[in-house]
N, C-alpha and C. Protein backbone atom coordinates (compact mmCIF):
# COMPACT_ATOMS: atom_id res chain seq x y z
N MET A 1 -80.67 -27.90 -9.25
CA MET A 1 -80.56 -29.28 -9.70
C MET A 1 -81.92 -29.97 -9.82
N GLN A 2 -82.94 -29.41 -9.18
CA GLN A 2 -84.25 -30.01 -9.21
C GLN A 2 -84.81 -30.07 -10.64
N GLU A 3 -84.44 -29.08 -11.48
CA GLU A 3 -84.95 -29.03 -12.84
C GLU A 3 -84.48 -30.21 -13.69
N ILE A 4 -83.37 -30.86 -13.26
CA ILE A 4 -82.86 -32.02 -14.00
C ILE A 4 -83.89 -33.15 -13.99
N PHE A 5 -84.60 -33.28 -12.86
CA PHE A 5 -85.57 -34.36 -12.74
C PHE A 5 -86.84 -34.09 -13.54
N SER A 6 -86.99 -32.87 -14.02
CA SER A 6 -88.16 -32.55 -14.84
C SER A 6 -87.94 -32.90 -16.31
N ILE A 7 -86.70 -33.29 -16.67
CA ILE A 7 -86.41 -33.72 -18.04
C ILE A 7 -87.00 -35.10 -18.28
N ASN A 8 -87.68 -35.26 -19.38
CA ASN A 8 -88.24 -36.57 -19.75
C ASN A 8 -87.12 -37.39 -20.41
N TRP A 9 -86.38 -38.14 -19.60
CA TRP A 9 -85.21 -38.85 -20.09
C TRP A 9 -85.56 -39.98 -21.06
N LEU A 10 -86.74 -40.57 -20.88
CA LEU A 10 -87.17 -41.63 -21.81
C LEU A 10 -87.39 -41.04 -23.19
N LEU A 11 -88.04 -39.88 -23.22
CA LEU A 11 -88.24 -39.20 -24.50
C LEU A 11 -86.90 -38.72 -25.07
N TRP A 12 -86.01 -38.27 -24.20
CA TRP A 12 -84.68 -37.84 -24.63
C TRP A 12 -83.95 -38.99 -25.33
N LEU A 13 -83.99 -40.17 -24.71
CA LEU A 13 -83.32 -41.34 -25.31
C LEU A 13 -83.95 -41.72 -26.65
N SER A 14 -85.28 -41.71 -26.71
CA SER A 14 -85.96 -42.11 -27.95
C SER A 14 -85.68 -41.11 -29.07
N THR A 15 -85.35 -39.88 -28.71
CA THR A 15 -85.03 -38.86 -29.71
C THR A 15 -83.56 -38.89 -30.11
N MET A 16 -82.67 -38.98 -29.12
CA MET A 16 -81.24 -38.82 -29.37
C MET A 16 -80.55 -40.10 -29.83
N VAL A 17 -81.03 -41.27 -29.40
CA VAL A 17 -80.37 -42.52 -29.81
C VAL A 17 -80.37 -42.70 -31.33
N PRO A 18 -81.53 -42.56 -32.00
CA PRO A 18 -81.48 -42.69 -33.48
C PRO A 18 -80.58 -41.66 -34.14
N LEU A 19 -80.55 -40.44 -33.59
CA LEU A 19 -79.71 -39.39 -34.19
C LEU A 19 -78.23 -39.71 -34.04
N THR A 20 -77.81 -40.19 -32.88
CA THR A 20 -76.39 -40.47 -32.65
C THR A 20 -75.92 -41.73 -33.36
N LEU A 21 -76.83 -42.69 -33.58
CA LEU A 21 -76.44 -43.95 -34.23
C LEU A 21 -76.52 -43.88 -35.75
N SER A 22 -77.12 -42.83 -36.28
CA SER A 22 -77.30 -42.75 -37.73
C SER A 22 -75.96 -42.58 -38.45
N ALA A 23 -75.96 -42.89 -39.74
CA ALA A 23 -74.72 -42.87 -40.52
C ALA A 23 -74.38 -41.46 -40.98
N GLY A 24 -74.06 -40.59 -40.03
CA GLY A 24 -73.64 -39.24 -40.36
C GLY A 24 -72.15 -39.18 -40.65
N PRO A 25 -71.63 -37.99 -40.96
CA PRO A 25 -70.20 -37.83 -41.27
C PRO A 25 -69.28 -38.35 -40.17
N GLY A 26 -69.60 -38.02 -38.91
CA GLY A 26 -68.73 -38.44 -37.80
C GLY A 26 -68.66 -39.95 -37.67
N ASN A 27 -69.81 -40.62 -37.68
CA ASN A 27 -69.83 -42.07 -37.55
C ASN A 27 -69.16 -42.76 -38.73
N LEU A 28 -69.37 -42.22 -39.92
CA LEU A 28 -68.73 -42.81 -41.10
C LEU A 28 -67.22 -42.66 -41.03
N MET A 29 -66.75 -41.51 -40.52
CA MET A 29 -65.31 -41.30 -40.36
C MET A 29 -64.74 -42.25 -39.31
N VAL A 30 -65.50 -42.49 -38.24
CA VAL A 30 -65.05 -43.42 -37.20
C VAL A 30 -64.94 -44.83 -37.76
N ALA A 31 -65.93 -45.25 -38.55
CA ALA A 31 -65.87 -46.57 -39.17
C ALA A 31 -64.68 -46.69 -40.11
N THR A 32 -64.41 -45.61 -40.86
CA THR A 32 -63.25 -45.59 -41.75
C THR A 32 -61.96 -45.73 -40.96
N SER A 33 -61.86 -45.01 -39.85
CA SER A 33 -60.68 -45.09 -39.00
C SER A 33 -60.50 -46.50 -38.45
N GLY A 34 -61.62 -47.12 -38.02
CA GLY A 34 -61.54 -48.49 -37.51
C GLY A 34 -61.07 -49.47 -38.57
N ALA A 35 -61.54 -49.27 -39.80
CA ALA A 35 -61.14 -50.16 -40.90
C ALA A 35 -59.68 -49.95 -41.29
N GLN A 36 -59.20 -48.71 -41.17
CA GLN A 36 -57.82 -48.40 -41.56
C GLN A 36 -56.82 -48.71 -40.45
N SER A 37 -57.20 -48.42 -39.21
CA SER A 37 -56.23 -48.43 -38.11
C SER A 37 -56.57 -49.38 -36.97
N GLY A 38 -57.80 -49.90 -36.93
CA GLY A 38 -58.20 -50.72 -35.80
C GLY A 38 -58.75 -49.85 -34.66
N VAL A 39 -59.28 -50.51 -33.64
CA VAL A 39 -59.93 -49.79 -32.54
C VAL A 39 -58.94 -48.97 -31.73
N ARG A 40 -57.82 -49.58 -31.35
CA ARG A 40 -56.86 -48.90 -30.46
C ARG A 40 -56.32 -47.62 -31.07
N ARG A 41 -55.93 -47.66 -32.33
CA ARG A 41 -55.35 -46.48 -32.97
C ARG A 41 -56.40 -45.43 -33.34
N SER A 42 -57.67 -45.79 -33.20
CA SER A 42 -58.75 -44.84 -33.49
C SER A 42 -59.16 -44.04 -32.26
N VAL A 43 -58.65 -44.41 -31.09
CA VAL A 43 -59.07 -43.76 -29.84
C VAL A 43 -58.77 -42.27 -29.88
N ARG A 44 -57.60 -41.88 -30.40
CA ARG A 44 -57.25 -40.45 -30.44
C ARG A 44 -58.20 -39.66 -31.33
N PHE A 45 -58.57 -40.25 -32.45
CA PHE A 45 -59.51 -39.58 -33.35
C PHE A 45 -60.88 -39.42 -32.69
N ILE A 46 -61.36 -40.49 -32.05
CA ILE A 46 -62.65 -40.44 -31.35
C ILE A 46 -62.61 -39.42 -30.22
N ALA A 47 -61.48 -39.36 -29.50
CA ALA A 47 -61.33 -38.38 -28.43
C ALA A 47 -61.42 -36.96 -28.98
N GLY A 48 -60.79 -36.73 -30.12
CA GLY A 48 -60.87 -35.41 -30.75
C GLY A 48 -62.29 -35.03 -31.12
N LEU A 49 -63.03 -36.01 -31.66
CA LEU A 49 -64.43 -35.78 -32.01
C LEU A 49 -65.27 -35.44 -30.79
N ASP A 50 -65.17 -36.30 -29.76
CA ASP A 50 -66.10 -36.20 -28.63
C ASP A 50 -65.76 -35.06 -27.67
N ILE A 51 -64.48 -34.80 -27.44
CA ILE A 51 -64.11 -33.67 -26.58
C ILE A 51 -64.53 -32.35 -27.24
N THR A 52 -64.29 -32.24 -28.55
CA THR A 52 -64.70 -31.04 -29.28
C THR A 52 -66.21 -30.88 -29.24
N TYR A 53 -66.93 -31.99 -29.42
CA TYR A 53 -68.39 -31.93 -29.43
C TYR A 53 -68.95 -31.54 -28.06
N PHE A 54 -68.30 -32.02 -27.00
CA PHE A 54 -68.74 -31.65 -25.66
C PHE A 54 -68.60 -30.15 -25.44
N LEU A 55 -67.45 -29.59 -25.86
CA LEU A 55 -67.23 -28.16 -25.69
C LEU A 55 -68.23 -27.35 -26.52
N ILE A 56 -68.51 -27.82 -27.74
CA ILE A 56 -69.49 -27.14 -28.58
C ILE A 56 -70.87 -27.22 -27.94
N ALA A 57 -71.20 -28.39 -27.38
CA ALA A 57 -72.50 -28.58 -26.74
C ALA A 57 -72.69 -27.61 -25.59
N VAL A 58 -71.67 -27.45 -24.77
CA VAL A 58 -71.75 -26.53 -23.64
C VAL A 58 -71.93 -25.10 -24.14
N LEU A 59 -71.15 -24.71 -25.16
CA LEU A 59 -71.26 -23.36 -25.70
C LEU A 59 -72.63 -23.11 -26.32
N VAL A 60 -73.13 -24.09 -27.06
CA VAL A 60 -74.46 -23.95 -27.68
C VAL A 60 -75.52 -23.84 -26.58
N GLY A 61 -75.42 -24.70 -25.57
CA GLY A 61 -76.39 -24.69 -24.48
C GLY A 61 -76.39 -23.38 -23.71
N LEU A 62 -75.23 -22.73 -23.62
CA LEU A 62 -75.12 -21.48 -22.87
C LEU A 62 -75.41 -20.25 -23.71
N GLY A 63 -75.74 -20.46 -25.01
CA GLY A 63 -76.18 -19.32 -25.79
C GLY A 63 -75.49 -19.07 -27.11
N LEU A 64 -74.53 -19.95 -27.50
CA LEU A 64 -73.84 -19.73 -28.77
C LEU A 64 -74.81 -19.80 -29.96
N TYR A 65 -75.91 -20.55 -29.80
CA TYR A 65 -76.83 -20.71 -30.93
C TYR A 65 -77.42 -19.38 -31.38
N HIS A 66 -77.52 -18.40 -30.46
CA HIS A 66 -78.00 -17.08 -30.86
C HIS A 66 -77.03 -16.44 -31.85
N THR A 67 -75.73 -16.61 -31.56
CA THR A 67 -74.70 -16.07 -32.46
C THR A 67 -74.75 -16.76 -33.81
N LEU A 68 -74.90 -18.09 -33.80
CA LEU A 68 -74.93 -18.86 -35.04
C LEU A 68 -76.15 -18.50 -35.88
N MET A 69 -77.30 -18.35 -35.21
CA MET A 69 -78.52 -18.03 -35.94
C MET A 69 -78.45 -16.64 -36.56
N ASN A 70 -77.68 -15.76 -35.93
CA ASN A 70 -77.53 -14.39 -36.44
C ASN A 70 -76.32 -14.23 -37.37
N SER A 71 -75.58 -15.32 -37.59
CA SER A 71 -74.39 -15.26 -38.45
C SER A 71 -74.43 -16.38 -39.49
N PRO A 72 -75.33 -16.30 -40.47
CA PRO A 72 -75.43 -17.35 -41.49
C PRO A 72 -74.14 -17.54 -42.27
N THR A 73 -73.36 -16.46 -42.40
CA THR A 73 -72.09 -16.58 -43.13
C THR A 73 -71.13 -17.51 -42.38
N LEU A 74 -71.08 -17.38 -41.05
CA LEU A 74 -70.21 -18.24 -40.24
C LEU A 74 -70.63 -19.70 -40.36
N VAL A 75 -71.94 -19.94 -40.30
CA VAL A 75 -72.45 -21.31 -40.45
C VAL A 75 -72.08 -21.87 -41.82
N TRP A 76 -72.23 -21.05 -42.87
CA TRP A 76 -71.90 -21.49 -44.23
C TRP A 76 -70.42 -21.83 -44.36
N VAL A 77 -69.55 -20.99 -43.79
CA VAL A 77 -68.11 -21.23 -43.85
C VAL A 77 -67.75 -22.54 -43.15
N LEU A 78 -68.34 -22.78 -41.97
CA LEU A 78 -68.07 -24.02 -41.23
C LEU A 78 -68.49 -25.24 -42.04
N GLN A 79 -69.65 -25.15 -42.69
CA GLN A 79 -70.13 -26.27 -43.49
C GLN A 79 -69.22 -26.53 -44.69
N VAL A 80 -68.80 -25.47 -45.36
CA VAL A 80 -67.93 -25.61 -46.53
C VAL A 80 -66.58 -26.21 -46.14
N VAL A 81 -65.99 -25.69 -45.06
CA VAL A 81 -64.70 -26.22 -44.59
C VAL A 81 -64.85 -27.69 -44.24
N GLY A 82 -65.91 -28.05 -43.53
CA GLY A 82 -66.12 -29.45 -43.15
C GLY A 82 -66.30 -30.35 -44.36
N SER A 83 -67.08 -29.90 -45.34
CA SER A 83 -67.32 -30.74 -46.52
C SER A 83 -66.05 -30.93 -47.33
N PHE A 84 -65.24 -29.88 -47.48
CA PHE A 84 -64.00 -30.00 -48.24
C PHE A 84 -62.98 -30.87 -47.52
N TYR A 85 -62.97 -30.81 -46.19
CA TYR A 85 -62.03 -31.66 -45.45
C TYR A 85 -62.41 -33.14 -45.58
N ILE A 86 -63.70 -33.43 -45.49
CA ILE A 86 -64.16 -34.82 -45.67
C ILE A 86 -63.88 -35.27 -47.10
N LEU A 87 -64.07 -34.37 -48.07
CA LEU A 87 -63.75 -34.68 -49.47
C LEU A 87 -62.28 -35.01 -49.62
N TYR A 88 -61.42 -34.23 -48.97
CA TYR A 88 -59.97 -34.46 -49.02
C TYR A 88 -59.62 -35.83 -48.46
N LEU A 89 -60.22 -36.20 -47.32
CA LEU A 89 -59.94 -37.51 -46.73
C LEU A 89 -60.45 -38.64 -47.63
N GLY A 90 -61.61 -38.42 -48.27
CA GLY A 90 -62.15 -39.44 -49.17
C GLY A 90 -61.25 -39.65 -50.38
N ILE A 91 -60.72 -38.57 -50.95
CA ILE A 91 -59.82 -38.68 -52.09
C ILE A 91 -58.53 -39.38 -51.69
N ARG A 92 -58.03 -39.08 -50.48
CA ARG A 92 -56.83 -39.77 -49.98
C ARG A 92 -57.05 -41.27 -49.93
N LEU A 93 -58.22 -41.67 -49.42
CA LEU A 93 -58.52 -43.11 -49.36
C LEU A 93 -58.66 -43.70 -50.75
N LEU A 94 -59.31 -42.98 -51.64
CA LEU A 94 -59.55 -43.49 -52.99
C LEU A 94 -58.24 -43.70 -53.75
N ARG A 95 -57.23 -42.88 -53.45
CA ARG A 95 -55.95 -42.97 -54.14
C ARG A 95 -55.02 -44.02 -53.54
N ARG A 96 -55.33 -44.52 -52.36
CA ARG A 96 -54.42 -45.45 -51.70
C ARG A 96 -54.15 -46.72 -52.49
N PRO A 97 -55.17 -47.30 -53.16
CA PRO A 97 -54.87 -48.52 -53.94
C PRO A 97 -53.81 -48.30 -55.01
N LEU A 98 -53.58 -47.03 -55.44
CA LEU A 98 -52.59 -46.75 -56.47
C LEU A 98 -51.18 -46.70 -55.91
N LYS A 99 -51.07 -46.73 -54.56
CA LYS A 99 -49.76 -46.63 -53.93
C LYS A 99 -49.20 -48.01 -53.62
N ALA A 100 -47.97 -48.02 -53.18
CA ALA A 100 -47.31 -49.29 -52.89
C ALA A 100 -47.96 -49.97 -51.71
N PRO A 101 -48.04 -51.32 -51.70
CA PRO A 101 -48.64 -52.06 -50.60
C PRO A 101 -47.94 -51.83 -49.27
N SER A 102 -46.67 -51.43 -49.32
CA SER A 102 -45.90 -51.22 -48.10
C SER A 102 -46.23 -49.91 -47.40
N ASP A 103 -47.01 -49.03 -48.07
CA ASP A 103 -47.38 -47.75 -47.47
C ASP A 103 -48.15 -47.96 -46.18
N LYS A 104 -47.94 -47.08 -45.21
CA LYS A 104 -48.66 -47.16 -43.95
C LYS A 104 -50.12 -46.78 -44.15
N ALA A 105 -50.98 -47.30 -43.26
CA ALA A 105 -52.39 -46.96 -43.32
C ALA A 105 -52.58 -45.49 -42.93
N MET A 106 -53.72 -44.95 -43.32
CA MET A 106 -54.03 -43.56 -43.00
C MET A 106 -54.60 -43.51 -41.59
N HIS A 107 -53.78 -43.12 -40.61
CA HIS A 107 -54.21 -43.07 -39.22
C HIS A 107 -54.74 -41.67 -38.90
N LEU A 108 -56.02 -41.57 -38.60
CA LEU A 108 -56.61 -40.30 -38.22
C LEU A 108 -56.22 -39.94 -36.80
N GLN A 109 -55.86 -38.68 -36.57
CA GLN A 109 -55.34 -38.25 -35.28
C GLN A 109 -56.36 -37.39 -34.52
N PHE A 110 -55.97 -36.96 -33.32
CA PHE A 110 -56.80 -36.11 -32.47
C PHE A 110 -57.20 -34.83 -33.21
N LYS A 111 -56.23 -34.23 -33.91
CA LYS A 111 -56.51 -32.97 -34.63
C LYS A 111 -57.51 -33.19 -35.76
N ASP A 112 -57.49 -34.37 -36.38
CA ASP A 112 -58.46 -34.68 -37.42
C ASP A 112 -59.87 -34.72 -36.84
N GLY A 113 -59.98 -35.27 -35.63
CA GLY A 113 -61.28 -35.30 -34.96
C GLY A 113 -61.81 -33.91 -34.69
N ILE A 114 -60.91 -33.01 -34.29
CA ILE A 114 -61.31 -31.61 -34.02
C ILE A 114 -61.83 -30.95 -35.28
N VAL A 115 -61.08 -31.08 -36.39
CA VAL A 115 -61.46 -30.43 -37.65
C VAL A 115 -62.78 -30.98 -38.17
N VAL A 116 -62.93 -32.32 -38.15
CA VAL A 116 -64.16 -32.94 -38.64
C VAL A 116 -65.36 -32.47 -37.82
N GLN A 117 -65.19 -32.41 -36.51
CA GLN A 117 -66.32 -32.03 -35.65
C GLN A 117 -66.67 -30.55 -35.81
N LEU A 118 -65.66 -29.70 -35.97
CA LEU A 118 -65.94 -28.27 -36.16
C LEU A 118 -66.70 -28.02 -37.46
N GLY A 119 -66.47 -28.86 -38.45
CA GLY A 119 -67.17 -28.70 -39.72
C GLY A 119 -68.49 -29.44 -39.79
N ASN A 120 -68.83 -30.16 -38.71
CA ASN A 120 -70.06 -30.96 -38.70
C ASN A 120 -71.22 -30.11 -38.17
N VAL A 121 -71.74 -29.24 -39.02
CA VAL A 121 -72.83 -28.36 -38.60
C VAL A 121 -74.11 -29.16 -38.34
N GLN A 122 -74.21 -30.34 -38.93
CA GLN A 122 -75.33 -31.23 -38.65
C GLN A 122 -75.38 -31.57 -37.16
N GLY A 123 -74.19 -31.71 -36.56
CA GLY A 123 -74.12 -31.98 -35.13
C GLY A 123 -74.60 -30.79 -34.30
N ILE A 124 -74.31 -29.57 -34.78
CA ILE A 124 -74.76 -28.37 -34.07
C ILE A 124 -76.29 -28.27 -34.15
N VAL A 125 -76.85 -28.62 -35.30
CA VAL A 125 -78.31 -28.61 -35.44
C VAL A 125 -78.93 -29.59 -34.45
N MET A 126 -78.29 -30.75 -34.27
CA MET A 126 -78.78 -31.73 -33.31
C MET A 126 -78.77 -31.16 -31.89
N LEU A 127 -77.75 -30.36 -31.59
CA LEU A 127 -77.67 -29.72 -30.27
C LEU A 127 -78.80 -28.71 -30.10
N LEU A 128 -79.08 -27.95 -31.15
CA LEU A 128 -80.17 -26.98 -31.09
C LEU A 128 -81.49 -27.67 -30.82
N VAL A 129 -81.71 -28.81 -31.48
CA VAL A 129 -82.93 -29.58 -31.26
C VAL A 129 -82.99 -30.06 -29.82
N MET A 130 -81.90 -30.58 -29.32
CA MET A 130 -81.88 -31.12 -27.96
C MET A 130 -82.17 -30.05 -26.91
N PHE A 131 -81.45 -28.94 -26.99
CA PHE A 131 -81.62 -27.91 -25.96
C PHE A 131 -82.98 -27.21 -26.06
N SER A 132 -83.45 -26.99 -27.28
CA SER A 132 -84.74 -26.32 -27.41
C SER A 132 -85.89 -27.22 -26.99
N THR A 133 -85.69 -28.54 -27.08
CA THR A 133 -86.75 -29.49 -26.74
C THR A 133 -86.73 -29.90 -25.28
N PHE A 134 -85.52 -30.09 -24.72
CA PHE A 134 -85.42 -30.70 -23.40
C PHE A 134 -84.94 -29.77 -22.29
N MET A 135 -84.60 -28.54 -22.61
CA MET A 135 -84.23 -27.59 -21.57
C MET A 135 -85.48 -27.21 -20.77
N PRO A 136 -85.53 -27.52 -19.46
CA PRO A 136 -86.74 -27.25 -18.67
C PRO A 136 -87.12 -25.77 -18.69
N SER A 137 -88.38 -25.51 -19.02
CA SER A 137 -88.95 -24.16 -19.00
C SER A 137 -88.17 -23.18 -19.88
N GLY A 138 -87.36 -23.70 -20.81
CA GLY A 138 -86.58 -22.83 -21.69
C GLY A 138 -85.48 -22.08 -20.98
N GLU A 139 -85.11 -22.51 -19.76
CA GLU A 139 -84.09 -21.80 -19.00
C GLU A 139 -82.69 -22.24 -19.42
N THR A 140 -81.74 -21.32 -19.37
CA THR A 140 -80.35 -21.64 -19.67
C THR A 140 -79.61 -21.85 -18.36
N SER A 141 -79.82 -23.00 -17.75
CA SER A 141 -79.16 -23.33 -16.49
C SER A 141 -77.86 -24.05 -16.79
N SER A 142 -76.76 -23.57 -16.21
CA SER A 142 -75.45 -24.17 -16.49
C SER A 142 -75.40 -25.64 -16.07
N SER A 143 -76.05 -25.99 -14.96
CA SER A 143 -76.02 -27.38 -14.49
C SER A 143 -76.77 -28.29 -15.45
N VAL A 144 -77.91 -27.82 -15.96
CA VAL A 144 -78.68 -28.62 -16.92
C VAL A 144 -77.92 -28.74 -18.24
N VAL A 145 -77.30 -27.66 -18.67
CA VAL A 145 -76.50 -27.68 -19.90
C VAL A 145 -75.38 -28.70 -19.80
N LEU A 146 -74.67 -28.70 -18.67
CA LEU A 146 -73.56 -29.64 -18.48
C LEU A 146 -74.05 -31.08 -18.46
N ILE A 147 -75.18 -31.33 -17.78
CA ILE A 147 -75.68 -32.71 -17.67
C ILE A 147 -76.21 -33.20 -19.01
N LEU A 148 -76.97 -32.36 -19.72
CA LEU A 148 -77.45 -32.76 -21.04
C LEU A 148 -76.29 -32.98 -22.01
N SER A 149 -75.28 -32.12 -21.93
CA SER A 149 -74.10 -32.26 -22.80
C SER A 149 -73.34 -33.54 -22.49
N ALA A 150 -73.14 -33.83 -21.20
CA ALA A 150 -72.42 -35.04 -20.80
C ALA A 150 -73.20 -36.29 -21.21
N ALA A 151 -74.53 -36.24 -21.07
CA ALA A 151 -75.35 -37.39 -21.46
C ALA A 151 -75.25 -37.64 -22.96
N LEU A 152 -75.27 -36.55 -23.74
CA LEU A 152 -75.18 -36.69 -25.20
C LEU A 152 -73.82 -37.22 -25.62
N ILE A 153 -72.76 -36.73 -24.98
CA ILE A 153 -71.42 -37.19 -25.34
C ILE A 153 -71.23 -38.67 -24.97
N SER A 154 -71.82 -39.09 -23.84
CA SER A 154 -71.76 -40.51 -23.46
C SER A 154 -72.44 -41.36 -24.52
N LEU A 155 -73.59 -40.89 -25.01
CA LEU A 155 -74.31 -41.60 -26.06
C LEU A 155 -73.51 -41.59 -27.36
N ASN A 156 -72.90 -40.45 -27.63
CA ASN A 156 -72.07 -40.32 -28.83
C ASN A 156 -70.89 -41.29 -28.80
N PHE A 157 -70.25 -41.37 -27.63
CA PHE A 157 -69.10 -42.26 -27.48
C PHE A 157 -69.53 -43.72 -27.68
N PHE A 158 -70.68 -44.10 -27.12
CA PHE A 158 -71.21 -45.45 -27.30
C PHE A 158 -71.43 -45.74 -28.78
N SER A 159 -71.99 -44.77 -29.50
CA SER A 159 -72.20 -44.91 -30.94
C SER A 159 -70.88 -45.09 -31.67
N HIS A 160 -69.86 -44.30 -31.27
CA HIS A 160 -68.56 -44.39 -31.92
C HIS A 160 -67.89 -45.74 -31.67
N VAL A 161 -68.10 -46.30 -30.48
CA VAL A 161 -67.56 -47.63 -30.18
C VAL A 161 -68.16 -48.66 -31.13
N ILE A 162 -69.46 -48.56 -31.36
CA ILE A 162 -70.14 -49.50 -32.27
C ILE A 162 -69.59 -49.35 -33.69
N TRP A 163 -69.47 -48.11 -34.16
CA TRP A 163 -69.03 -47.88 -35.54
C TRP A 163 -67.56 -48.24 -35.75
N VAL A 164 -66.71 -47.94 -34.76
CA VAL A 164 -65.30 -48.29 -34.91
C VAL A 164 -65.11 -49.80 -34.85
N SER A 165 -65.95 -50.48 -34.08
CA SER A 165 -65.89 -51.94 -34.01
C SER A 165 -66.30 -52.56 -35.33
N LEU A 166 -67.33 -51.99 -35.96
CA LEU A 166 -67.73 -52.47 -37.29
C LEU A 166 -66.60 -52.28 -38.30
N GLY A 167 -65.95 -51.11 -38.23
CA GLY A 167 -64.83 -50.85 -39.12
C GLY A 167 -63.67 -51.79 -38.86
N SER A 168 -63.40 -52.07 -37.58
CA SER A 168 -62.31 -52.97 -37.22
C SER A 168 -62.57 -54.39 -37.70
N THR A 169 -63.84 -54.79 -37.70
CA THR A 169 -64.21 -56.13 -38.20
C THR A 169 -63.85 -56.25 -39.68
N VAL A 170 -64.08 -55.16 -40.42
CA VAL A 170 -63.70 -55.14 -41.84
C VAL A 170 -62.19 -55.28 -41.97
N GLN A 171 -61.44 -54.60 -41.07
CA GLN A 171 -59.98 -54.68 -41.12
C GLN A 171 -59.49 -56.12 -40.91
N LYS A 172 -60.08 -56.82 -39.96
CA LYS A 172 -59.68 -58.21 -39.69
C LYS A 172 -59.97 -59.10 -40.88
N LEU A 173 -61.08 -58.85 -41.55
CA LEU A 173 -61.42 -59.62 -42.74
C LEU A 173 -60.40 -59.38 -43.85
N ILE A 174 -59.95 -58.13 -43.95
CA ILE A 174 -58.97 -57.77 -44.97
C ILE A 174 -57.62 -58.42 -44.70
N GLN A 175 -57.27 -58.56 -43.42
CA GLN A 175 -55.99 -59.18 -43.07
C GLN A 175 -55.91 -60.62 -43.57
N SER A 176 -57.06 -61.29 -43.60
CA SER A 176 -57.09 -62.66 -44.11
C SER A 176 -57.28 -62.71 -45.63
N ARG A 177 -57.75 -61.61 -46.19
CA ARG A 177 -57.93 -61.51 -47.65
C ARG A 177 -57.38 -60.16 -48.11
N PRO A 178 -56.07 -60.04 -48.26
CA PRO A 178 -55.42 -58.75 -48.57
C PRO A 178 -55.97 -58.05 -49.81
N ARG A 179 -56.47 -58.81 -50.78
CA ARG A 179 -56.96 -58.19 -52.01
C ARG A 179 -58.19 -57.32 -51.76
N LEU A 180 -58.86 -57.55 -50.62
CA LEU A 180 -60.04 -56.75 -50.29
C LEU A 180 -59.66 -55.32 -49.90
N LEU A 181 -58.35 -55.06 -49.67
CA LEU A 181 -57.92 -53.73 -49.26
C LEU A 181 -58.27 -52.68 -50.30
N VAL A 182 -58.08 -53.03 -51.57
CA VAL A 182 -58.39 -52.10 -52.65
C VAL A 182 -59.88 -51.77 -52.64
N PHE A 183 -60.71 -52.80 -52.47
CA PHE A 183 -62.16 -52.59 -52.43
C PHE A 183 -62.56 -51.74 -51.23
N GLN A 184 -61.95 -52.02 -50.06
CA GLN A 184 -62.28 -51.27 -48.85
C GLN A 184 -61.95 -49.79 -49.00
N ASN A 185 -60.74 -49.51 -49.50
CA ASN A 185 -60.33 -48.11 -49.68
C ASN A 185 -61.25 -47.39 -50.66
N ALA A 186 -61.60 -48.08 -51.75
CA ALA A 186 -62.48 -47.47 -52.74
C ALA A 186 -63.88 -47.23 -52.17
N ALA A 187 -64.41 -48.23 -51.43
CA ALA A 187 -65.76 -48.12 -50.88
C ALA A 187 -65.86 -46.98 -49.86
N PHE A 188 -64.92 -46.96 -48.90
CA PHE A 188 -64.96 -45.92 -47.88
C PHE A 188 -64.64 -44.55 -48.48
N GLY A 189 -63.71 -44.52 -49.43
CA GLY A 189 -63.37 -43.26 -50.08
C GLY A 189 -64.56 -42.67 -50.82
N LEU A 190 -65.27 -43.51 -51.57
CA LEU A 190 -66.45 -43.04 -52.31
C LEU A 190 -67.56 -42.59 -51.37
N MET A 191 -67.72 -43.31 -50.24
CA MET A 191 -68.75 -42.92 -49.27
C MET A 191 -68.45 -41.55 -48.67
N LEU A 192 -67.17 -41.32 -48.34
CA LEU A 192 -66.78 -40.02 -47.78
C LEU A 192 -66.97 -38.90 -48.80
N ILE A 193 -66.60 -39.17 -50.05
CA ILE A 193 -66.79 -38.17 -51.10
C ILE A 193 -68.28 -37.88 -51.28
N ALA A 194 -69.12 -38.94 -51.23
CA ALA A 194 -70.56 -38.75 -51.36
C ALA A 194 -71.11 -37.90 -50.22
N VAL A 195 -70.63 -38.13 -48.99
CA VAL A 195 -71.06 -37.33 -47.84
C VAL A 195 -70.66 -35.88 -48.03
N ALA A 196 -69.42 -35.65 -48.48
CA ALA A 196 -68.93 -34.29 -48.69
C ALA A 196 -69.76 -33.57 -49.75
N VAL A 197 -70.06 -34.25 -50.85
CA VAL A 197 -70.86 -33.65 -51.93
C VAL A 197 -72.27 -33.36 -51.44
N TRP A 198 -72.85 -34.30 -50.66
CA TRP A 198 -74.19 -34.11 -50.12
C TRP A 198 -74.26 -32.88 -49.23
N ILE A 199 -73.26 -32.72 -48.35
CA ILE A 199 -73.22 -31.55 -47.47
C ILE A 199 -73.12 -30.27 -48.29
N PHE A 200 -72.23 -30.28 -49.29
CA PHE A 200 -72.01 -29.09 -50.10
C PHE A 200 -73.26 -28.71 -50.90
N LEU A 201 -73.91 -29.70 -51.50
CA LEU A 201 -75.12 -29.43 -52.28
C LEU A 201 -76.27 -28.98 -51.38
N ARG A 202 -76.28 -29.51 -50.17
CA ARG A 202 -77.36 -29.17 -49.24
C ARG A 202 -77.28 -27.71 -48.78
N ILE A 203 -76.05 -27.22 -48.59
CA ILE A 203 -75.91 -25.85 -48.08
C ILE A 203 -76.07 -24.82 -49.21
N GLY A 204 -75.67 -25.19 -50.44
CA GLY A 204 -75.82 -24.29 -51.56
C GLY A 204 -74.89 -23.08 -51.46
N PRO A 205 -75.03 -22.15 -52.39
CA PRO A 205 -74.17 -20.95 -52.38
C PRO A 205 -74.56 -20.00 -51.26
N LEU A 206 -73.62 -19.15 -50.87
CA LEU A 206 -73.87 -18.16 -49.82
C LEU A 206 -74.85 -17.11 -50.28
């Protein structure tokens, strides 16, 4: 446990806070969920994201990154699946204005959080950066892996609270101005589609 105190936590915060607060696929999906369902109904989706990310963080910290680095095909498949799933959710949102006003909102569930996080290879890259930079002496200590993973997930959860609150604020505005619903669905749908296309173009062909 002594090696934990050798971590430069101030540098860790200055590195990880901007990464977790940035407008990546996960945060954008959380904001979309907040706008569609509100904070309370988004908790299951956020739990799916963060629990899955914690498990991935532990696996990466304990050595999964060696497997990923040696299996470019697996990384490519994960990225493609993630981008197509985000594209699917964006198209669903974009089509909602064409449906009846009485239709229920699109509530993202725990399983949606799992799928989105598994396809978020950008998040795995962030883990690689964290462990390669802040793991003391390059050692794979299970206690350090767990503490770094827990610290990152706590930061991630804080970021998700901010983004879901921003999305929920949009929802409250829409409740007082129902006509804004069409604009909200179109805006968030196009943003999700743009993220999916960006991921797909970035990875390129196998």
